[in-house]
Structure formats: structure tokens, C-alpha cells
Amino acid sequence: MSGNGNSNAGASASALVLRSVTKTFGEFTAVDDVSLEVPRGVIQGFLGPNGAGKTTTLRMVLGIFKPTAGSILILGRPSAMEVRDRIGYLPEEKGLYKKMKAWAIIAYFATLKGMDRRSARRRAFDLLERYGLKDFANAKTEALSKGMGQKVQVLASIAHEPEFVILDEPFSGLDPVNQQVMEGVIRDLAARGSTVLFSTHVMQHAERLCDRILLIAKGRKLFDGSVAAAKATLPRRVRIETDDDPAPLAQVPGVLAMARGAQGDGAWELRIRENADPQAILQASFAAGIRLRRFEQLDPSLHDVFVHMVGDEAKEASFR
């Protein structure tokens, strides 16, 4: 790692530790008693609807806001300022120096984090080539499309090869192609050993990328753990279609409930326990003479978990 050359200072098992962190603005509580540990080297999703407290929490982590209560350790230190050259940060409010060239923006931010000018320039051109912007290296940022400009800002935030990267709504405003590029950037960072924490209200990105997630709403933590553990909070489902009476299937061990599916035309959905074997339903169908036109196992998605845990606030979130 480049930067301050002291990447082992304050080393600990966790890249980030929050202990009962609360932030109030007057009588409004933006973040309410949130605790979190982010192991080193993972991709951590920070999820919640708009206004849930994600950005406020990230700003406390970075020392922009001071917690009203609780404590924060980042890379083993109580202040992000002590390890700032080892952190990369992409704010929610994106912006670039319009008259600067793309490579110069990236190199400039790298020098601010401790890289020498020659290394920073070389790093800038390497990054632009790797992520498909080589032909725009000498373009002024005001001439770039929104998606290209955002990619340049992301590259500027990681040019110094930080140990810990914090991205606040990195997918916001990107078209599907550039969303894929952003996912690639995050995976590359993790593959190179960085810890990545990104906030989003779009569950599909988190489901594809994250090792762990934190879900908050109205400033309070609702879930903290692996994606698999989040999905395990909801029953699995089996969807069938048949012209026969499926009532005997409700008695199969592990079946929690059975209801008509939204599709109609003989569609049914069965909710089953996490450790239940869906094949038992298929075997019971044959044994009872129930002829199936369709049999499909449906594991809960992170979207399903989000809607279940967040409730009405989930309606405000965007799913793309």
C-alpha cells in the first residue's frame, strides 16, 4: 500500500468498529445506538432506504461529524484523520474540477494522499486504461458524460491504493453498463486486499457483491451479518402449478403454509422451513397422484428481506 507508509500501525482484526453510536441534530435522532464490526478484507454493504442514516453514519466514521454518543475505531485508531492516507472516500455528492483533465484529477488526489507526482501520474493513466477511459485521459472533466465523470471521481478516491475504501451511494446516477463497471471496481479492490464499505438502497448490488451487510431504517440497526444469514430470516418457498388438488402437500413435514399463487391457473406457493428439503414436496406430489406442470424452488432475495424488515419505508427505496 502507498500513502503514509504505515499501514501496519494500529493494526487490528477489524477495519472498523462502531460501539453504540448515536447522532442527534437538535431533537432529531439521525443515528440511534448503532454498533458494527467490519472485518478486514471484506465487502460490507450498508443498506437502508433514503433517509435511513447511512450518510450520517459514514460522515461520523470519517470524522466529518462527531458522534453524540458512542465510539468509533477505524483501522485501529479513534480518528480517521490519524489514518487518512490509508482511506479512500467517495462522497454521495459527486463533483469534479471542471477545467482539469481526467488524468490530472486522479493524480492530484493521489498526491494529496502521499504519492509522489511521477507515481501518481503513472497510476492515473493505468487506472484510466483499466476501466475503459484511456481515450479520455486528456479530456477536461466538463466534457465527460455523467457516468464517465463519476468513474473518474471513483478512480481518484482509490488511486493511492487505500486499505479501506468507503463509497457513499456509488451506483447513484449510473446507467446499467456503468453500474457493472462500478461492481467490477469494487470486486477488484477486494481482490487486492482492500476493505470496502459501500452504502446503497439498491439491494441487487449488495446481493451480488457483499460478504456482509448492515441494514438500518430510521437510524436504527435492523440486521447485521452475512447475506446468507439475512436470507435465512425468511422462509424459503416452493412454487407449483397443477390442475389437481394440492391439499395433501400442506401435510408434508417442513411445510409452514400454502396459498394460491398470484399467477392463478393452478399456481400455488408453499412456504417451507429453512432446513426443509423441497424434494420432499416433489416426492409427496408423485405419491399423492398430484400432476405438476411446474415445480420451482424460490430462495428469498435480499430485496425480500429488505421489504420484510423495513416495511412501509421500503416503498420509498429504489430497486433497479
Protein backbone atom coordinates (compact mmCIF):
# COMPACT_ATOMS: atom_id res chain seq x y z
CA MET A 1 0.00 0.00 0.00
CA SER A 2 1.11 3.53 -0.65
CA GLY A 3 0.09 6.52 1.40
CA ASN A 4 1.78 7.28 4.71
CA GLY A 5 3.79 4.05 4.59
CA ASN A 6 2.50 3.00 7.98
CA SER A 7 -0.20 0.56 7.04
CA ASN A 8 0.55 -1.75 9.97
CA ALA A 9 0.20 0.94 12.58
CA GLY A 10 -2.82 0.38 14.75
CA ALA A 11 -3.49 -2.96 13.07
CA SER A 12 -6.44 -4.91 14.42
CA ALA A 13 -8.71 -7.71 13.31
CA SER A 14 -11.39 -5.21 12.28
CA ALA A 15 -11.12 -2.37 9.80
CA LEU A 16 -13.99 -0.55 11.50
CA VAL A 17 -15.68 -0.81 14.89
CA LEU A 18 -18.75 1.19 15.94
CA ARG A 19 -19.93 0.90 19.53
CA SER A 20 -23.42 2.21 20.36
CA VAL A 21 -23.02 5.19 18.04
CA THR A 22 -25.75 7.83 18.17
CA LYS A 23 -26.05 11.16 16.35
CA THR A 24 -28.68 13.76 17.08
CA PHE A 25 -29.37 17.11 15.45
CA GLY A 26 -31.38 19.04 17.99
CA GLU A 27 -34.34 16.82 18.85
CA PHE A 28 -33.94 14.69 15.71
CA THR A 29 -32.08 11.39 16.08
CA ALA A 30 -30.42 10.56 12.77
CA VAL A 31 -28.50 7.51 14.03
CA ASP A 32 -29.69 5.62 17.08
CA ASP A 33 -27.38 3.28 19.01
CA VAL A 34 -25.73 1.55 16.03
CA SER A 35 -22.94 -0.99 16.61
CA LEU A 36 -20.94 -2.66 13.84
CA GLU A 37 -17.68 -4.52 13.25
CA VAL A 38 -16.26 -4.73 9.74
CA PRO A 39 -13.55 -7.40 9.39
CA ARG A 40 -10.55 -6.53 7.26
CA GLY A 41 -10.69 -7.59 3.63
CA VAL A 42 -14.47 -7.92 3.27
CA ILE A 43 -17.04 -6.12 1.14
CA GLN A 44 -19.51 -4.66 3.62
CA GLY A 45 -22.86 -3.32 2.43
CA PHE A 46 -24.53 -0.53 4.35
CA LEU A 47 -28.17 -0.76 3.37
CA GLY A 48 -31.34 1.17 4.02
CA PRO A 49 -33.95 3.39 2.40
CA ASN A 50 -33.23 7.03 1.65
CA GLY A 51 -33.00 9.00 4.89
CA ALA A 52 -32.16 5.93 7.00
CA GLY A 53 -28.98 7.46 8.43
CA LYS A 54 -26.40 5.87 6.15
CA THR A 55 -24.61 9.04 5.06
CA THR A 56 -24.66 10.48 8.58
CA THR A 57 -23.01 7.30 9.88
CA LEU A 58 -20.33 7.38 7.18
CA ARG A 59 -19.59 11.01 7.97
CA MET A 60 -19.10 10.10 11.61
CA VAL A 61 -16.75 7.29 10.60
CA LEU A 62 -14.72 9.80 8.59
CA GLY A 63 -14.68 12.39 11.36
CA ILE A 64 -16.80 14.90 9.45
CA PHE A 65 -19.45 14.63 12.19
CA LYS A 66 -18.72 13.86 15.82
CA PRO A 67 -20.96 11.22 17.42
CA THR A 68 -23.35 12.47 20.09
CA ALA A 69 -22.67 9.22 21.94
CA GLY A 70 -20.69 6.04 21.38
CA SER A 71 -17.23 5.36 19.97
CA ILE A 72 -15.62 4.63 16.60
CA LEU A 73 -12.34 2.90 15.69
CA ILE A 74 -11.16 2.97 12.09
CA LEU A 75 -8.07 0.96 11.14
CA GLY A 76 -7.42 0.66 14.85
CA ARG A 77 -7.44 4.40 15.51
CA PRO A 78 -10.08 6.61 17.16
CA SER A 79 -9.91 9.24 14.43
CA ALA A 80 -9.97 8.88 10.66
CA MET A 81 -7.60 11.85 10.48
CA GLU A 82 -4.87 9.69 12.00
CA VAL A 83 -5.12 7.20 9.12
CA ARG A 84 -6.47 9.43 6.36
CA ASP A 85 -3.80 8.41 3.84
CA ARG A 86 -4.94 4.79 4.21
CA ILE A 87 -8.60 5.58 3.47
CA GLY A 88 -10.37 6.22 0.17
CA TYR A 89 -13.71 8.03 0.19
CA LEU A 90 -16.33 8.70 -2.46
CA PRO A 91 -18.97 11.12 -1.12
CA GLU A 92 -22.63 10.98 -2.05
CA GLU A 93 -22.43 14.49 -3.50
CA LYS A 94 -20.22 13.99 -6.55
CA GLY A 95 -18.20 16.81 -8.09
CA LEU A 96 -15.02 17.45 -10.07
CA TYR A 97 -12.81 20.39 -11.02
CA LYS A 98 -14.32 21.08 -14.43
CA LYS A 99 -11.25 22.54 -16.15
CA MET A 100 -8.84 19.80 -15.08
CA LYS A 101 -8.05 16.84 -17.30
CA ALA A 102 -9.23 13.41 -16.22
CA TRP A 103 -5.73 12.05 -15.55
CA ALA A 104 -4.76 15.20 -13.66
CA ILE A 105 -7.75 14.91 -11.30
CA ILE A 106 -6.80 11.35 -10.39
CA ALA A 107 -3.12 12.18 -9.99
CA TYR A 108 -3.88 15.26 -7.90
CA PHE A 109 -5.94 13.33 -5.36
CA ALA A 110 -3.27 10.62 -5.23
CA THR A 111 -0.62 13.22 -4.32
CA LEU A 112 -2.88 14.55 -1.57
CA LYS A 113 -2.77 11.04 -0.09
CA GLY A 114 1.04 10.88 -0.15
CA MET A 115 2.03 9.58 -3.59
CA ASP A 116 4.87 11.32 -5.42
CA ARG A 117 3.90 13.10 -8.63
CA ARG A 118 5.51 10.66 -11.04
CA SER A 119 3.90 7.64 -9.41
CA ALA A 120 0.56 9.44 -9.21
CA ARG A 121 0.62 10.30 -12.93
CA ARG A 122 1.52 6.72 -13.87
CA ARG A 123 -1.19 5.37 -11.57
CA ALA A 124 -3.78 7.72 -13.12
CA PHE A 125 -3.11 6.53 -16.67
CA ASP A 126 -3.05 2.88 -15.55
CA LEU A 127 -6.46 3.23 -13.90
CA LEU A 128 -8.00 5.07 -16.84
CA GLU A 129 -6.83 2.33 -19.21
CA ARG A 130 -8.01 -0.48 -16.92
CA TYR A 131 -11.52 0.93 -16.65
CA GLY A 132 -12.07 1.93 -20.27
CA LEU A 133 -11.28 5.65 -20.13
CA LYS A 134 -7.85 5.66 -21.77
CA ASP A 135 -9.10 7.71 -24.75
CA PHE A 136 -10.47 10.38 -22.39
CA ALA A 137 -7.36 10.80 -20.24
CA ASN A 138 -6.65 14.27 -21.63
CA ALA A 139 -10.28 15.40 -21.76
CA LYS A 140 -11.39 18.10 -19.37
CA THR A 141 -13.88 16.70 -16.90
CA GLU A 142 -16.55 19.20 -18.00
CA ALA A 143 -16.56 17.41 -21.38
CA LEU A 144 -17.19 13.97 -19.87
CA SER A 145 -20.59 12.34 -19.57
CA LYS A 146 -22.07 12.00 -16.11
CA GLY A 147 -21.15 8.33 -15.95
CA MET A 148 -17.58 8.95 -17.11
CA GLY A 149 -17.19 11.80 -14.65
CA GLN A 150 -18.36 9.61 -11.81
CA LYS A 151 -15.91 6.90 -12.80
CA VAL A 152 -13.10 9.45 -12.76
CA GLN A 153 -14.09 10.53 -9.27
CA VAL A 154 -14.16 6.92 -8.08
CA LEU A 155 -10.71 6.33 -9.55
CA ALA A 156 -9.46 9.49 -7.84
CA SER A 157 -10.68 8.13 -4.50
CA ILE A 158 -8.75 4.84 -4.88
CA ALA A 159 -5.64 5.94 -6.80
CA HIS A 160 -3.44 5.77 -3.68
CA GLU A 161 -4.42 2.10 -3.16
CA PRO A 162 -6.16 2.60 0.19
CA GLU A 163 -6.60 -0.17 2.73
CA PHE A 164 -10.14 0.91 3.49
CA VAL A 165 -12.50 2.31 0.85
CA ILE A 166 -15.79 4.00 1.75
CA LEU A 167 -18.24 4.61 -1.09
CA ASP A 168 -21.45 6.52 -0.39
CA GLU A 169 -24.15 5.53 -2.92
CA PRO A 170 -21.58 4.73 -5.64
CA PHE A 171 -24.23 3.43 -8.08
CA SER A 172 -26.41 6.53 -7.92
CA GLY A 173 -26.95 8.08 -11.35
CA LEU A 174 -25.10 5.38 -13.29
CA ASP A 175 -26.61 3.60 -16.27
CA PRO A 176 -26.63 -0.23 -16.22
CA VAL A 177 -23.33 -0.51 -18.12
CA ASN A 178 -21.51 1.80 -15.74
CA GLN A 179 -23.14 0.07 -12.76
CA GLN A 180 -21.43 -3.10 -13.95
CA VAL A 181 -18.15 -1.22 -14.22
CA MET A 182 -18.60 0.03 -10.65
CA GLU A 183 -19.24 -3.51 -9.43
CA GLY A 184 -16.02 -4.52 -11.17
CA VAL A 185 -14.10 -1.75 -9.39
CA ILE A 186 -15.40 -2.93 -6.02
CA ARG A 187 -14.51 -6.56 -6.74
CA ASP A 188 -11.02 -5.51 -7.89
CA LEU A 189 -10.48 -3.56 -4.68
CA ALA A 190 -11.43 -6.57 -2.57
CA ALA A 191 -9.25 -8.87 -4.67
CA ARG A 192 -6.30 -6.57 -3.97
CA GLY A 193 -6.91 -6.81 -0.22
CA SER A 194 -8.82 -3.61 0.48
CA THR A 195 -11.77 -3.49 2.83
CA VAL A 196 -14.75 -1.94 1.05
CA LEU A 197 -17.77 -0.37 2.73
CA PHE A 198 -20.46 0.99 0.44
CA SER A 199 -23.91 2.35 1.13
CA THR A 200 -26.85 1.75 -1.15
CA HIS A 201 -30.61 1.42 -1.22
CA VAL A 202 -30.47 -0.88 -4.27
CA MET A 203 -30.50 -4.43 -2.96
CA GLN A 204 -29.37 -6.18 -6.14
CA HIS A 205 -25.89 -4.64 -5.99
CA ALA A 206 -25.47 -5.66 -2.37
CA GLU A 207 -26.68 -9.19 -3.05
CA ARG A 208 -24.15 -9.68 -5.84
CA LEU A 209 -21.19 -8.07 -4.09
CA CYS A 210 -21.35 -8.23 -0.32
CA ASP A 211 -19.79 -10.61 2.15
CA ARG A 212 -21.70 -8.90 4.96
CA ILE A 213 -24.48 -6.33 5.25
CA LEU A 214 -25.79 -3.87 7.79
CA LEU A 215 -29.43 -2.90 7.33
CA ILE A 216 -30.75 0.23 9.01
CA ALA A 217 -34.01 2.19 8.91
CA LYS A 218 -34.94 5.36 10.79
CA GLY A 219 -31.42 5.39 12.17
CA ARG A 220 -31.70 2.00 13.92
CA LYS A 221 -29.94 -1.25 13.09
CA LEU A 222 -32.29 -3.99 11.88
CA PHE A 223 -29.78 -6.62 10.78
CA ASP A 224 -26.02 -7.21 10.80
CA GLY A 225 -24.48 -10.34 9.31
CA SER A 226 -23.84 -12.29 6.14
CA VAL A 227 -26.12 -12.19 3.11
CA ALA A 228 -26.93 -15.87 3.66
CA ALA A 229 -27.93 -15.18 7.27
CA ALA A 230 -30.14 -12.31 6.12
CA LYS A 231 -31.93 -14.56 3.66
CA ALA A 232 -32.34 -17.21 6.36
CA THR A 233 -34.56 -14.80 8.31
CA LEU A 234 -37.33 -15.53 5.80
CA PRO A 235 -38.91 -18.90 4.94
CA ARG A 236 -37.98 -20.47 1.65
CA ARG A 237 -40.73 -21.05 -0.91
CA VAL A 238 -41.72 -23.64 -3.45
CA ARG A 239 -43.94 -22.66 -6.37
CA ILE A 240 -46.02 -25.29 -8.14
CA GLU A 241 -48.66 -25.38 -10.86
CA THR A 242 -51.21 -28.17 -11.06
CA ASP A 243 -54.81 -28.83 -12.09
CA ASP A 244 -55.17 -31.29 -9.22
CA ASP A 245 -56.00 -30.57 -5.57
CA PRO A 246 -52.66 -29.88 -3.81
CA ALA A 247 -54.16 -30.00 -0.28
CA PRO A 248 -52.16 -33.15 0.75
CA LEU A 249 -48.93 -31.18 0.31
CA ALA A 250 -49.79 -28.98 3.29
CA GLN A 251 -49.12 -32.03 5.49
CA VAL A 252 -45.58 -32.60 4.23
CA PRO A 253 -43.05 -32.15 7.10
CA GLY A 254 -41.40 -28.74 6.85
CA VAL A 255 -44.27 -27.03 5.02
CA LEU A 256 -45.34 -23.97 7.02
CA ALA A 257 -48.17 -22.66 4.83
CA MET A 258 -49.70 -23.00 1.41
CA ALA A 259 -51.58 -20.37 -0.59
CA ARG A 260 -52.71 -19.72 -4.12
CA GLY A 261 -50.07 -18.01 -6.22
CA ALA A 262 -50.57 -14.62 -7.77
CA GLN A 263 -50.30 -16.11 -11.25
CA GLY A 264 -53.56 -18.08 -10.99
CA ASP A 265 -54.08 -21.02 -13.37
CA GLY A 266 -53.39 -23.64 -10.72
CA ALA A 267 -50.41 -21.81 -9.23
CA TRP A 268 -49.62 -22.36 -5.54
CA GLU A 269 -46.85 -21.22 -3.24
CA LEU A 270 -45.68 -23.24 -0.23
CA ARG A 271 -43.56 -21.65 2.50
CA ILE A 272 -41.09 -24.12 3.97
CA ARG A 273 -38.65 -24.19 6.88
CA GLU A 274 -35.01 -23.24 6.23
CA ASN A 275 -33.77 -26.81 6.75
CA ALA A 276 -36.65 -28.50 4.90
CA ASP A 277 -35.96 -30.46 1.72
CA PRO A 278 -38.04 -29.14 -1.21
CA GLN A 279 -37.66 -32.53 -2.89
CA ALA A 280 -39.97 -33.97 -0.22
CA ILE A 281 -42.79 -31.90 -1.73
CA LEU A 282 -41.99 -33.25 -5.17
CA GLN A 283 -41.96 -36.83 -3.86
CA ALA A 284 -45.24 -36.28 -1.99
CA SER A 285 -46.82 -34.96 -5.18
CA PHE A 286 -45.96 -38.15 -7.04
CA ALA A 287 -47.14 -40.31 -4.15
CA ALA A 288 -50.50 -38.50 -3.98
CA GLY A 289 -51.01 -38.52 -7.75
CA ILE A 290 -50.75 -34.73 -7.99
CA ARG A 291 -49.61 -33.93 -11.53
CA LEU A 292 -47.31 -30.91 -11.66
CA ARG A 293 -46.87 -28.63 -14.65
CA ARG A 294 -44.29 -26.63 -12.74
CA PHE A 295 -42.05 -27.08 -9.71
CA GLU A 296 -39.70 -24.27 -8.69
CA GLN A 297 -37.62 -23.62 -5.58
CA LEU A 298 -37.53 -19.95 -4.58
CA ASP A 299 -34.93 -18.75 -2.10
CA PRO A 300 -35.61 -15.33 -0.54
CA SER A 301 -33.79 -12.43 -2.17
CA LEU A 302 -32.16 -9.59 -0.30
CA HIS A 303 -34.98 -7.46 -1.71
CA ASP A 304 -37.49 -9.73 0.04
CA VAL A 305 -35.57 -9.42 3.32
CA PHE A 306 -35.38 -5.65 2.96
CA VAL A 307 -39.11 -5.28 2.35
CA HIS A 308 -39.92 -7.63 5.23
CA MET A 309 -37.67 -5.85 7.74
CA VAL A 310 -38.16 -2.25 6.66
CA GLY A 311 -41.89 -2.41 5.96
CA ASP A 312 -43.55 0.75 4.65
CA GLU A 313 -40.23 2.56 4.29
CA ALA A 314 -39.22 0.03 1.67
CA LYS A 315 -41.75 1.62 -0.67
CA GLU A 316 -39.52 4.70 -0.77
CA ALA A 317 -36.48 2.71 -1.83
CA SER A 318 -35.45 2.22 -5.42
CA PHE A 319 -34.90 -1.22 -6.90
CA ARG A 320 -33.07 -1.42 -10.21
